[in-house]
Amino acid sequence: MTYILPPLNALRAFEAAARHLSFKLAAHELHVTPAAVGQQVKALEARLGIRLFERLHRQLVLTEAGQAYLPEISDGFRRIADATVQLKPVGAALLQLGVHGSFDLRRLALEEFRASHAEIGLRVLQPAGLHELVEGKVDALIARGLGHHPGYRCDRLGEGAGLGDWLIAPAGTADCPEIAGFRDWLRGLPDANSLALQRRRRVVGIVGN
């Protein structure tokens, strides 16, 4: 059976914009520009021949068709994410970890992690950034920044405020066994390594324009 589907990027743009009711916040989540989100949604509407949003002054409102379409598309993405999480290589759960270029991998004690977590096949991509996380090239990311990423769980590595290193994972998969196991490993590292995760966590999911 051949499925006739709209472009995936256009569906992602619609789904994010519809959840946030904001092209700006959808763009932040997808790490593109608001104009790009607007263009993707407009192209999707043209392809479907149906208006999905009413674009009012400083406000985005779903049409009746958009309201009916959103839960089905969100459920489809959720099913794909769940199926992907469950798809694991034989004998090990694969965890693809991205790390920003200036981070010293020795601080993570990765060999010790692999030795004590034989059930997790850990692979590291460095350098990696938010683009790799959004595109699904990595499952979790250690990134340098402020930890503000709608739709993602962000755990700060070490104490302090302002710019720092964060473990970032999509909210939908942030508590899967592989990522949770790695998070617990970081939490258990000696404080002297400045890698004990703060107990406080940030799950960013702002709704609005």
N, C-alpha and C. Protein backbone atom coordinates (compact mmCIF):
# COMPACT_ATOMS: atom_id res chain seq x y z
N MET A 1 0.84 -1.20 0.00
CA MET A 1 0.00 0.00 0.00
C MET A 1 0.88 1.25 0.00
N THR A 2 0.56 2.18 -0.85
CA THR A 2 1.30 3.44 -0.92
C THR A 2 0.51 4.53 -0.19
N TYR A 3 1.17 5.16 0.78
CA TYR A 3 0.51 6.22 1.53
C TYR A 3 0.75 7.56 0.85
N ILE A 4 -0.33 8.29 0.66
CA ILE A 4 -0.23 9.63 0.08
C ILE A 4 -0.20 10.62 1.24
N LEU A 5 0.98 11.17 1.49
CA LEU A 5 1.18 12.02 2.65
C LEU A 5 1.69 13.40 2.26
N PRO A 6 1.30 14.43 2.99
CA PRO A 6 1.93 15.75 2.81
C PRO A 6 3.38 15.68 3.26
N PRO A 7 4.20 16.67 2.89
CA PRO A 7 5.60 16.69 3.34
C PRO A 7 5.70 16.68 4.86
N LEU A 8 6.62 15.88 5.40
CA LEU A 8 6.76 15.73 6.84
C LEU A 8 7.08 17.06 7.52
N ASN A 9 7.97 17.86 6.92
CA ASN A 9 8.34 19.14 7.54
C ASN A 9 7.14 20.07 7.65
N ALA A 10 6.25 20.02 6.66
CA ALA A 10 5.06 20.86 6.70
C ALA A 10 4.12 20.40 7.81
N LEU A 11 4.00 19.08 7.99
CA LEU A 11 3.17 18.55 9.07
C LEU A 11 3.75 18.91 10.43
N ARG A 12 5.07 18.83 10.57
CA ARG A 12 5.72 19.20 11.83
C ARG A 12 5.49 20.68 12.14
N ALA A 13 5.57 21.52 11.12
CA ALA A 13 5.35 22.96 11.31
C ALA A 13 3.92 23.21 11.75
N PHE A 14 2.96 22.56 11.10
CA PHE A 14 1.56 22.74 11.49
C PHE A 14 1.32 22.26 12.91
N GLU A 15 1.81 21.06 13.24
CA GLU A 15 1.56 20.48 14.56
C GLU A 15 2.13 21.35 15.67
N ALA A 16 3.35 21.85 15.48
CA ALA A 16 3.97 22.70 16.49
C ALA A 16 3.24 24.04 16.60
N ALA A 17 2.92 24.65 15.46
CA ALA A 17 2.22 25.93 15.48
C ALA A 17 0.83 25.80 16.10
N ALA A 18 0.17 24.68 15.84
CA ALA A 18 -1.17 24.47 16.37
C ALA A 18 -1.13 24.24 17.88
N ARG A 19 -0.11 23.55 18.38
CA ARG A 19 0.02 23.34 19.83
C ARG A 19 0.27 24.66 20.55
N HIS A 20 1.17 25.46 19.97
CA HIS A 20 1.55 26.72 20.62
C HIS A 20 0.63 27.89 20.26
N LEU A 21 -0.13 27.71 19.16
CA LEU A 21 -0.89 28.81 18.59
C LEU A 21 0.02 30.02 18.37
N SER A 22 1.19 29.73 17.84
CA SER A 22 2.21 30.75 17.62
C SER A 22 3.25 30.24 16.64
N PHE A 23 3.47 30.98 15.56
CA PHE A 23 4.55 30.63 14.64
C PHE A 23 5.91 30.85 15.31
N LYS A 24 5.98 31.86 16.18
CA LYS A 24 7.24 32.19 16.83
C LYS A 24 7.70 31.06 17.75
N LEU A 25 6.79 30.55 18.59
CA LEU A 25 7.16 29.48 19.51
C LEU A 25 7.38 28.16 18.77
N ALA A 26 6.61 27.95 17.71
CA ALA A 26 6.84 26.75 16.89
C ALA A 26 8.22 26.81 16.26
N ALA A 27 8.61 27.99 15.80
CA ALA A 27 9.93 28.15 15.20
C ALA A 27 11.03 27.90 16.22
N HIS A 28 10.82 28.35 17.47
CA HIS A 28 11.80 28.12 18.54
C HIS A 28 11.95 26.62 18.79
N GLU A 29 10.83 25.92 18.84
CA GLU A 29 10.87 24.47 19.08
C GLU A 29 11.58 23.74 17.95
N LEU A 30 11.32 24.13 16.71
CA LEU A 30 11.87 23.43 15.55
C LEU A 30 13.22 23.99 15.11
N HIS A 31 13.64 25.08 15.76
CA HIS A 31 14.93 25.70 15.46
C HIS A 31 15.01 26.17 14.00
N VAL A 32 13.94 26.85 13.59
CA VAL A 32 13.90 27.51 12.28
C VAL A 32 13.34 28.92 12.53
N THR A 33 13.13 29.68 11.47
CA THR A 33 12.59 31.02 11.63
C THR A 33 11.06 30.98 11.60
N PRO A 34 10.40 31.96 12.24
CA PRO A 34 8.93 32.02 12.15
C PRO A 34 8.44 32.10 10.71
N ALA A 35 9.20 32.79 9.85
CA ALA A 35 8.80 32.88 8.45
C ALA A 35 8.80 31.50 7.79
N ALA A 36 9.78 30.67 8.16
CA ALA A 36 9.85 29.31 7.59
C ALA A 36 8.66 28.48 8.03
N VAL A 37 8.26 28.61 9.30
CA VAL A 37 7.08 27.89 9.79
C VAL A 37 5.84 28.35 9.03
N GLY A 38 5.70 29.68 8.88
CA GLY A 38 4.55 30.22 8.16
C GLY A 38 4.49 29.73 6.72
N GLN A 39 5.63 29.67 6.07
CA GLN A 39 5.67 29.21 4.69
C GLN A 39 5.30 27.73 4.58
N GLN A 40 5.79 26.92 5.54
CA GLN A 40 5.47 25.49 5.54
C GLN A 40 3.96 25.28 5.74
N VAL A 41 3.39 26.02 6.67
CA VAL A 41 1.95 25.89 6.94
C VAL A 41 1.15 26.35 5.72
N LYS A 42 1.56 27.44 5.12
CA LYS A 42 0.86 27.94 3.93
C LYS A 42 0.92 26.92 2.80
N ALA A 43 2.08 26.29 2.62
CA ALA A 43 2.23 25.27 1.58
C ALA A 43 1.34 24.07 1.88
N LEU A 44 1.23 23.70 3.16
CA LEU A 44 0.37 22.58 3.54
C LEU A 44 -1.09 22.90 3.25
N GLU A 45 -1.50 24.11 3.60
CA GLU A 45 -2.88 24.52 3.34
C GLU A 45 -3.17 24.51 1.84
N ALA A 46 -2.20 24.95 1.04
CA ALA A 46 -2.38 24.96 -0.41
C ALA A 46 -2.50 23.54 -0.95
N ARG A 47 -1.70 22.64 -0.40
CA ARG A 47 -1.73 21.24 -0.86
C ARG A 47 -3.04 20.57 -0.51
N LEU A 48 -3.53 20.86 0.72
CA LEU A 48 -4.77 20.25 1.18
C LEU A 48 -6.01 20.94 0.61
N GLY A 49 -5.84 22.19 0.22
CA GLY A 49 -6.98 22.96 -0.26
C GLY A 49 -7.92 23.37 0.86
N ILE A 50 -7.38 23.43 2.08
CA ILE A 50 -8.19 23.74 3.26
C ILE A 50 -7.41 24.72 4.14
N ARG A 51 -8.09 25.68 4.70
CA ARG A 51 -7.47 26.63 5.62
C ARG A 51 -7.43 26.01 7.00
N LEU A 52 -6.23 25.97 7.61
CA LEU A 52 -6.06 25.37 8.93
C LEU A 52 -6.02 26.40 10.06
N PHE A 53 -5.64 27.63 9.72
CA PHE A 53 -5.54 28.70 10.71
C PHE A 53 -6.29 29.94 10.23
N GLU A 54 -6.84 30.68 11.17
CA GLU A 54 -7.27 32.05 10.94
C GLU A 54 -6.16 32.94 11.48
N ARG A 55 -5.61 33.78 10.64
CA ARG A 55 -4.49 34.64 11.04
C ARG A 55 -5.04 36.01 11.40
N LEU A 56 -5.36 36.19 12.66
CA LEU A 56 -5.90 37.45 13.15
C LEU A 56 -4.74 38.35 13.58
N HIS A 57 -5.07 39.58 13.95
CA HIS A 57 -4.04 40.52 14.37
C HIS A 57 -3.38 40.02 15.64
N ARG A 58 -2.08 39.67 15.54
CA ARG A 58 -1.29 39.22 16.69
C ARG A 58 -1.88 37.97 17.35
N GLN A 59 -2.63 37.19 16.59
CA GLN A 59 -3.24 36.00 17.16
C GLN A 59 -3.43 34.95 16.07
N LEU A 60 -3.18 33.70 16.45
CA LEU A 60 -3.33 32.56 15.55
C LEU A 60 -4.44 31.68 16.12
N VAL A 61 -5.45 31.40 15.29
CA VAL A 61 -6.60 30.61 15.74
C VAL A 61 -6.82 29.46 14.78
N LEU A 62 -7.01 28.26 15.32
CA LEU A 62 -7.30 27.10 14.48
C LEU A 62 -8.70 27.18 13.90
N THR A 63 -8.83 26.87 12.63
CA THR A 63 -10.15 26.73 12.03
C THR A 63 -10.77 25.42 12.52
N GLU A 64 -12.01 25.18 12.14
CA GLU A 64 -12.67 23.92 12.51
C GLU A 64 -11.91 22.74 11.92
N ALA A 65 -11.42 22.91 10.67
CA ALA A 65 -10.64 21.84 10.04
C ALA A 65 -9.32 21.63 10.77
N GLY A 66 -8.68 22.72 11.18
CA GLY A 66 -7.42 22.62 11.91
C GLY A 66 -7.59 21.93 13.25
N GLN A 67 -8.69 22.22 13.93
CA GLN A 67 -8.96 21.58 15.22
C GLN A 67 -9.15 20.08 15.06
N ALA A 68 -9.79 19.67 13.97
CA ALA A 68 -10.00 18.25 13.72
C ALA A 68 -8.71 17.56 13.30
N TYR A 69 -7.84 18.28 12.60
CA TYR A 69 -6.61 17.71 12.05
C TYR A 69 -5.53 17.52 13.12
N LEU A 70 -5.45 18.48 14.07
CA LEU A 70 -4.36 18.50 15.04
C LEU A 70 -4.24 17.21 15.86
N PRO A 71 -5.30 16.73 16.53
CA PRO A 71 -5.12 15.53 17.37
C PRO A 71 -4.70 14.30 16.57
N GLU A 72 -5.15 14.20 15.32
CA GLU A 72 -4.77 13.06 14.50
C GLU A 72 -3.30 13.12 14.12
N ILE A 73 -2.82 14.32 13.78
CA ILE A 73 -1.40 14.48 13.42
C ILE A 73 -0.52 14.29 14.64
N SER A 74 -0.92 14.86 15.79
CA SER A 74 -0.15 14.69 17.02
C SER A 74 -0.07 13.22 17.41
N ASP A 75 -1.19 12.52 17.28
CA ASP A 75 -1.19 11.09 17.61
C ASP A 75 -0.28 10.31 16.68
N GLY A 76 -0.27 10.70 15.39
CA GLY A 76 0.62 10.04 14.44
C GLY A 76 2.08 10.21 14.79
N PHE A 77 2.48 11.43 15.15
CA PHE A 77 3.86 11.68 15.56
C PHE A 77 4.20 10.91 16.83
N ARG A 78 3.23 10.86 17.76
CA ARG A 78 3.45 10.15 19.02
C ARG A 78 3.66 8.66 18.76
N ARG A 79 2.87 8.09 17.86
CA ARG A 79 3.01 6.67 17.52
C ARG A 79 4.37 6.39 16.88
N ILE A 80 4.81 7.29 16.00
CA ILE A 80 6.12 7.12 15.36
C ILE A 80 7.23 7.18 16.41
N ALA A 81 7.11 8.15 17.33
CA ALA A 81 8.13 8.29 18.39
C ALA A 81 8.16 7.05 19.27
N ASP A 82 6.96 6.54 19.65
CA ASP A 82 6.91 5.35 20.51
C ASP A 82 7.49 4.14 19.79
N ALA A 83 7.15 3.98 18.51
CA ALA A 83 7.67 2.84 17.76
C ALA A 83 9.18 2.92 17.63
N THR A 84 9.71 4.14 17.48
CA THR A 84 11.15 4.31 17.35
C THR A 84 11.87 3.99 18.65
N VAL A 85 11.26 4.42 19.78
CA VAL A 85 11.86 4.12 21.09
C VAL A 85 11.92 2.62 21.32
N GLN A 86 10.89 1.89 20.88
CA GLN A 86 10.83 0.45 21.10
C GLN A 86 11.72 -0.34 20.14
N LEU A 87 12.18 0.31 19.07
CA LEU A 87 13.03 -0.37 18.10
C LEU A 87 14.47 -0.34 18.59
N LYS A 88 14.95 -1.45 19.12
CA LYS A 88 16.26 -1.49 19.74
C LYS A 88 17.08 -2.61 19.12
N PRO A 89 18.39 -2.42 18.97
CA PRO A 89 19.22 -3.50 18.46
C PRO A 89 19.26 -4.68 19.42
N VAL A 90 19.45 -5.87 18.91
CA VAL A 90 19.47 -7.08 19.73
C VAL A 90 20.56 -6.99 20.79
N GLY A 91 20.18 -7.23 22.04
CA GLY A 91 21.16 -7.30 23.13
C GLY A 91 21.50 -5.97 23.76
N ALA A 92 21.02 -4.87 23.18
CA ALA A 92 21.36 -3.58 23.78
C ALA A 92 20.37 -2.52 23.34
N ALA A 93 20.13 -1.56 24.21
CA ALA A 93 19.34 -0.39 23.87
C ALA A 93 20.32 0.68 23.41
N LEU A 94 20.10 1.20 22.23
CA LEU A 94 21.04 2.16 21.65
C LEU A 94 20.73 3.57 22.13
N LEU A 95 21.75 4.27 22.60
CA LEU A 95 21.62 5.67 22.99
C LEU A 95 22.62 6.49 22.20
N GLN A 96 22.12 7.38 21.37
CA GLN A 96 22.95 8.27 20.58
C GLN A 96 23.05 9.60 21.34
N LEU A 97 24.23 9.92 21.81
CA LEU A 97 24.44 11.14 22.59
C LEU A 97 25.22 12.15 21.78
N GLY A 98 24.67 13.35 21.64
CA GLY A 98 25.39 14.45 21.00
C GLY A 98 26.04 15.33 22.06
N VAL A 99 27.20 15.88 21.74
CA VAL A 99 27.94 16.71 22.70
C VAL A 99 28.51 17.92 21.94
N HIS A 100 28.39 19.09 22.54
CA HIS A 100 28.91 20.28 21.86
C HIS A 100 30.44 20.22 21.78
N GLY A 101 30.99 20.92 20.82
CA GLY A 101 32.39 20.75 20.45
C GLY A 101 33.41 21.08 21.51
N SER A 102 33.10 21.99 22.43
CA SER A 102 34.10 22.41 23.41
C SER A 102 34.04 21.60 24.71
N PHE A 103 33.15 20.63 24.79
CA PHE A 103 32.98 19.86 26.02
C PHE A 103 34.05 18.77 26.10
N ASP A 104 34.67 18.63 27.27
CA ASP A 104 35.70 17.62 27.49
C ASP A 104 35.03 16.30 27.85
N LEU A 105 35.07 15.34 26.93
CA LEU A 105 34.39 14.06 27.15
C LEU A 105 34.92 13.30 28.36
N ARG A 106 36.14 13.58 28.77
CA ARG A 106 36.70 12.88 29.92
C ARG A 106 35.89 13.15 31.18
N ARG A 107 35.19 14.26 31.22
CA ARG A 107 34.37 14.61 32.38
C ARG A 107 33.18 13.67 32.56
N LEU A 108 32.80 12.94 31.49
CA LEU A 108 31.63 12.08 31.55
C LEU A 108 31.95 10.66 32.02
N ALA A 109 33.24 10.30 32.08
CA ALA A 109 33.65 8.95 32.48
C ALA A 109 32.90 7.90 31.67
N LEU A 110 32.96 8.03 30.35
CA LEU A 110 32.14 7.19 29.47
C LEU A 110 32.54 5.72 29.51
N GLU A 111 33.82 5.44 29.66
CA GLU A 111 34.24 4.03 29.72
C GLU A 111 33.66 3.34 30.94
N GLU A 112 33.64 4.05 32.06
CA GLU A 112 33.04 3.49 33.26
C GLU A 112 31.54 3.30 33.08
N PHE A 113 30.90 4.25 32.39
CA PHE A 113 29.46 4.10 32.12
C PHE A 113 29.19 2.86 31.29
N ARG A 114 29.98 2.68 30.21
CA ARG A 114 29.78 1.52 29.34
C ARG A 114 30.02 0.22 30.11
N ALA A 115 31.01 0.22 30.99
CA ALA A 115 31.33 -1.00 31.74
C ALA A 115 30.22 -1.37 32.72
N SER A 116 29.56 -0.36 33.28
CA SER A 116 28.53 -0.62 34.28
C SER A 116 27.12 -0.66 33.70
N HIS A 117 27.00 -0.32 32.40
CA HIS A 117 25.68 -0.33 31.74
C HIS A 117 25.79 -1.09 30.42
N ALA A 118 26.09 -2.38 30.54
CA ALA A 118 26.29 -3.20 29.34
C ALA A 118 25.02 -3.30 28.50
N GLU A 119 23.86 -3.04 29.11
CA GLU A 119 22.60 -3.14 28.39
C GLU A 119 22.34 -1.93 27.49
N ILE A 120 23.16 -0.89 27.62
CA ILE A 120 22.99 0.33 26.81
C ILE A 120 24.18 0.48 25.86
N GLY A 121 23.87 0.49 24.57
CA GLY A 121 24.91 0.73 23.59
C GLY A 121 25.05 2.23 23.36
N LEU A 122 26.05 2.84 23.99
CA LEU A 122 26.22 4.29 23.92
C LEU A 122 27.12 4.67 22.76
N ARG A 123 26.62 5.59 21.92
CA ARG A 123 27.41 6.16 20.85
C ARG A 123 27.43 7.67 21.02
N VAL A 124 28.57 8.27 20.75
CA VAL A 124 28.73 9.71 20.98
C VAL A 124 29.06 10.41 19.67
N LEU A 125 28.33 11.49 19.41
CA LEU A 125 28.60 12.33 18.24
C LEU A 125 29.08 13.69 18.74
N GLN A 126 30.32 14.05 18.38
CA GLN A 126 30.87 15.35 18.75
C GLN A 126 31.70 15.91 17.59
N PRO A 127 31.44 17.14 17.16
CA PRO A 127 30.48 18.07 17.75
C PRO A 127 29.05 17.81 17.27
N ALA A 128 28.11 18.19 18.09
CA ALA A 128 26.70 18.09 17.74
C ALA A 128 25.97 19.25 18.41
N GLY A 129 24.87 19.65 17.80
CA GLY A 129 24.09 20.76 18.34
C GLY A 129 22.61 20.48 18.24
N LEU A 130 21.82 21.53 18.41
CA LEU A 130 20.37 21.38 18.42
C LEU A 130 19.83 20.87 17.09
N HIS A 131 20.52 21.19 16.01
CA HIS A 131 20.07 20.72 14.70
C HIS A 131 20.06 19.19 14.66
N GLU A 132 21.11 18.57 15.17
CA GLU A 132 21.18 17.10 15.19
C GLU A 132 20.09 16.49 16.07
N LEU A 133 19.75 17.18 17.17
CA LEU A 133 18.71 16.69 18.06
C LEU A 133 17.34 16.79 17.39
N VAL A 134 17.07 17.91 16.76
CA VAL A 134 15.79 18.12 16.09
C VAL A 134 15.62 17.14 14.93
N GLU A 135 16.69 16.88 14.20
CA GLU A 135 16.63 15.98 13.05
C GLU A 135 16.63 14.51 13.45
N GLY A 136 16.77 14.23 14.74
CA GLY A 136 16.74 12.85 15.20
C GLY A 136 18.05 12.10 15.04
N LYS A 137 19.13 12.83 14.76
CA LYS A 137 20.43 12.18 14.62
C LYS A 137 21.01 11.78 15.97
N VAL A 138 20.58 12.43 17.03
CA VAL A 138 20.97 12.04 18.39
C VAL A 138 19.70 11.98 19.24
N ASP A 139 19.73 11.17 20.30
CA ASP A 139 18.58 11.01 21.20
C ASP A 139 18.60 12.04 22.32
N ALA A 140 19.77 12.44 22.71
CA ALA A 140 19.95 13.43 23.78
C ALA A 140 21.19 14.24 23.45
N LEU A 141 21.26 15.43 24.03
CA LEU A 141 22.33 16.36 23.67
C LEU A 141 22.85 17.07 24.90
N ILE A 142 24.17 17.16 25.01
CA ILE A 142 24.78 18.04 26.00
C ILE A 142 25.15 19.32 25.25
N ALA A 143 24.46 20.39 25.58
CA ALA A 143 24.62 21.65 24.86
C ALA A 143 24.97 22.76 25.83
N ARG A 144 25.65 23.76 25.30
CA ARG A 144 26.03 24.94 26.07
C ARG A 144 25.00 26.03 25.81
N GLY A 145 24.43 26.58 26.87
CA GLY A 145 23.44 27.63 26.66
C GLY A 145 22.71 27.96 27.93
N LEU A 146 21.43 28.37 27.78
CA LEU A 146 20.62 28.78 28.91
C LEU A 146 19.53 27.76 29.24
N GLY A 147 19.39 26.73 28.40
CA GLY A 147 18.42 25.68 28.70
C GLY A 147 16.98 26.04 28.42
N HIS A 148 16.72 26.96 27.49
CA HIS A 148 15.35 27.34 27.13
C HIS A 148 15.02 26.73 25.77
N HIS A 149 14.29 25.59 25.76
CA HIS A 149 13.96 24.92 24.50
C HIS A 149 12.57 24.32 24.61
N PRO A 150 11.53 25.00 24.10
CA PRO A 150 10.16 24.50 24.19
C PRO A 150 10.04 23.08 23.62
N GLY A 151 9.35 22.22 24.36
CA GLY A 151 9.15 20.85 23.92
C GLY A 151 10.24 19.89 24.33
N TYR A 152 11.23 20.38 25.08
CA TYR A 152 12.35 19.55 25.50
C TYR A 152 12.54 19.63 27.01
N ARG A 153 12.96 18.51 27.60
CA ARG A 153 13.36 18.54 29.01
C ARG A 153 14.83 18.92 29.07
N CYS A 154 15.15 19.89 29.92
CA CYS A 154 16.51 20.40 30.03
C CYS A 154 16.98 20.28 31.48
N ASP A 155 18.03 19.49 31.71
CA ASP A 155 18.62 19.32 33.03
C ASP A 155 20.00 19.96 33.05
N ARG A 156 20.20 20.88 33.97
CA ARG A 156 21.49 21.56 34.04
C ARG A 156 22.54 20.64 34.64
N LEU A 157 23.74 20.65 34.07
CA LEU A 157 24.87 19.90 34.59
C LEU A 157 25.64 20.82 35.52
N GLY A 158 25.65 20.49 36.80
CA GLY A 158 26.36 21.32 37.76
C GLY A 158 25.50 22.42 38.31
N GLU A 159 26.03 23.15 39.24
CA GLU A 159 25.33 24.24 39.91
C GLU A 159 25.57 25.55 39.16
N GLY A 160 24.83 26.57 39.57
CA GLY A 160 25.05 27.89 39.01
C GLY A 160 23.86 28.39 38.22
N ALA A 161 23.98 29.60 37.73
CA ALA A 161 22.94 30.23 36.93
C ALA A 161 23.57 30.79 35.67
N GLY A 162 22.71 31.18 34.73
CA GLY A 162 23.21 31.75 33.49
C GLY A 162 23.69 30.68 32.53
N LEU A 163 24.65 31.04 31.69
CA LEU A 163 25.17 30.13 30.68
C LEU A 163 25.78 28.90 31.34
N GLY A 164 25.47 27.72 30.79
CA GLY A 164 26.00 26.48 31.35
C GLY A 164 25.78 25.32 30.41
N ASP A 165 26.16 24.12 30.85
CA ASP A 165 25.96 22.90 30.07
C ASP A 165 24.67 22.23 30.53
N TRP A 166 23.89 21.75 29.56
CA TRP A 166 22.59 21.14 29.83
C TRP A 166 22.47 19.81 29.10
N LEU A 167 21.81 18.86 29.75
CA LEU A 167 21.41 17.62 29.08
C LEU A 167 20.00 17.85 28.57
N ILE A 168 19.83 17.79 27.24
CA ILE A 168 18.57 18.12 26.60
C ILE A 168 18.04 16.90 25.87
N ALA A 169 16.75 16.61 26.07
CA ALA A 169 16.11 15.48 25.40
C ALA A 169 14.66 15.85 25.10
N PRO A 170 14.09 15.34 24.01
CA PRO A 170 12.68 15.61 23.71
C PRO A 170 11.79 15.20 24.88
N ALA A 171 10.80 16.01 25.20
CA ALA A 171 9.94 15.73 26.35
C ALA A 171 9.29 14.36 26.25
N GLY A 172 8.97 13.92 25.03
CA GLY A 172 8.29 12.65 24.86
C GLY A 172 9.14 11.43 25.13
N THR A 173 10.47 11.57 25.05
CA THR A 173 11.36 10.42 25.25
C THR A 173 12.37 10.66 26.38
N ALA A 174 12.24 11.77 27.08
CA ALA A 174 13.24 12.14 28.10
C ALA A 174 13.34 11.14 29.24
N ASP A 175 12.27 10.37 29.47
CA ASP A 175 12.28 9.42 30.58
C ASP A 175 12.36 7.97 30.11
N CYS A 176 12.74 7.75 28.84
CA CYS A 176 12.94 6.37 28.39
C CYS A 176 14.15 5.79 29.15
N PRO A 177 14.22 4.47 29.30
CA PRO A 177 15.26 3.87 30.17
C PRO A 177 16.69 4.28 29.82
N GLU A 178 17.01 4.41 28.52
CA GLU A 178 18.38 4.73 28.14
C GLU A 178 18.77 6.14 28.60
N ILE A 179 17.89 7.10 28.32
CA ILE A 179 18.20 8.49 28.68
C ILE A 179 18.14 8.66 30.20
N ALA A 180 17.15 8.04 30.84
CA ALA A 180 17.05 8.12 32.29
C ALA A 180 18.27 7.50 32.96
N GLY A 181 18.76 6.39 32.39
CA GLY A 181 19.94 5.75 32.95
C GLY A 181 21.17 6.62 32.83
N PHE A 182 21.31 7.30 31.70
CA PHE A 182 22.46 8.20 31.53
C PHE A 182 22.33 9.41 32.44
N ARG A 183 21.11 9.91 32.61
CA ARG A 183 20.89 11.05 33.50
C ARG A 183 21.25 10.68 34.93
N ASP A 184 20.83 9.47 35.36
CA ASP A 184 21.17 9.02 36.71
C ASP A 184 22.69 8.86 36.88
N TRP A 185 23.35 8.42 35.80
CA TRP A 185 24.81 8.29 35.85
C TRP A 185 25.46 9.65 36.09
N LEU A 186 25.02 10.66 35.37
CA LEU A 186 25.56 12.00 35.56
C LEU A 186 25.29 12.50 36.97
N ARG A 187 24.11 12.18 37.45
CA ARG A 187 23.72 12.64 38.78
C ARG A 187 24.61 12.02 39.86
N GLY A 188 25.13 10.82 39.58
CA GLY A 188 25.93 10.12 40.57
C GLY A 188 27.41 10.41 40.49
N LEU A 189 27.85 11.18 39.50
CA LEU A 189 29.27 11.51 39.40
C LEU A 189 29.69 12.41 40.55
N PRO A 190 30.96 12.35 40.95
CA PRO A 190 31.43 13.17 42.07
C PRO A 190 31.21 14.66 41.82
N ASP A 191 30.83 15.37 42.86
CA ASP A 191 30.62 16.82 42.74
C ASP A 191 31.88 17.52 42.29
N ALA A 192 33.03 16.94 42.57
CA ALA A 192 34.30 17.57 42.19
C ALA A 192 34.41 17.71 40.68
N ASN A 193 33.70 16.85 39.95
CA ASN A 193 33.73 16.94 38.49
C ASN A 193 32.76 17.98 37.96
N SER A 194 32.02 18.63 38.88
CA SER A 194 31.04 19.65 38.50
C SER A 194 30.01 19.09 37.53
N LEU A 195 29.66 17.80 37.70
CA LEU A 195 28.69 17.19 36.79
C LEU A 195 27.50 16.59 37.51
N ALA A 196 27.39 16.81 38.81
CA ALA A 196 26.19 16.31 39.49
C ALA A 196 25.00 17.13 39.00
N LEU A 197 24.03 16.47 38.40
CA LEU A 197 22.89 17.20 37.87
C LEU A 197 22.12 17.86 39.01
N GLN A 198 21.72 19.09 38.79
CA GLN A 198 20.87 19.74 39.76
C GLN A 198 19.56 18.97 39.87
N ARG A 199 19.04 18.86 41.05
CA ARG A 199 17.77 18.17 41.24
C ARG A 199 16.65 18.91 40.52
N ARG A 200 16.80 20.22 40.44
CA ARG A 200 15.82 21.01 39.70
C ARG A 200 15.94 20.69 38.23
N ARG A 201 14.81 20.50 37.59
CA ARG A 201 14.85 20.27 36.15
C ARG A 201 13.92 21.27 35.49
N ARG A 202 14.14 21.48 34.22
CA ARG A 202 13.32 22.43 33.48
C ARG A 202 12.69 21.71 32.32
N VAL A 203 11.38 21.70 32.24
CA VAL A 203 10.67 21.21 31.07
C VAL A 203 9.93 22.40 30.50
N VAL A 204 10.40 22.88 29.35
CA VAL A 204 9.88 24.10 28.78
C VAL A 204 8.75 23.75 27.83
N GLY A 205 7.61 24.33 28.03
CA GLY A 205 6.49 24.10 27.14
C GLY A 205 5.56 25.29 27.19
N ILE A 206 6.01 26.43 26.74
CA ILE A 206 5.25 27.68 26.84
C ILE A 206 4.20 27.72 25.76
N VAL A 207 3.01 28.18 26.08
CA VAL A 207 1.94 28.33 25.10
C VAL A 207 1.62 29.80 24.98
N GLY A 208 1.56 30.28 23.75
CA GLY A 208 1.24 31.69 23.52
C GLY A 208 1.96 32.19 22.30
N ASN A 209 1.84 33.46 22.01
CA ASN A 209 2.47 34.06 20.83
C ASN A 209 3.88 34.50 21.14
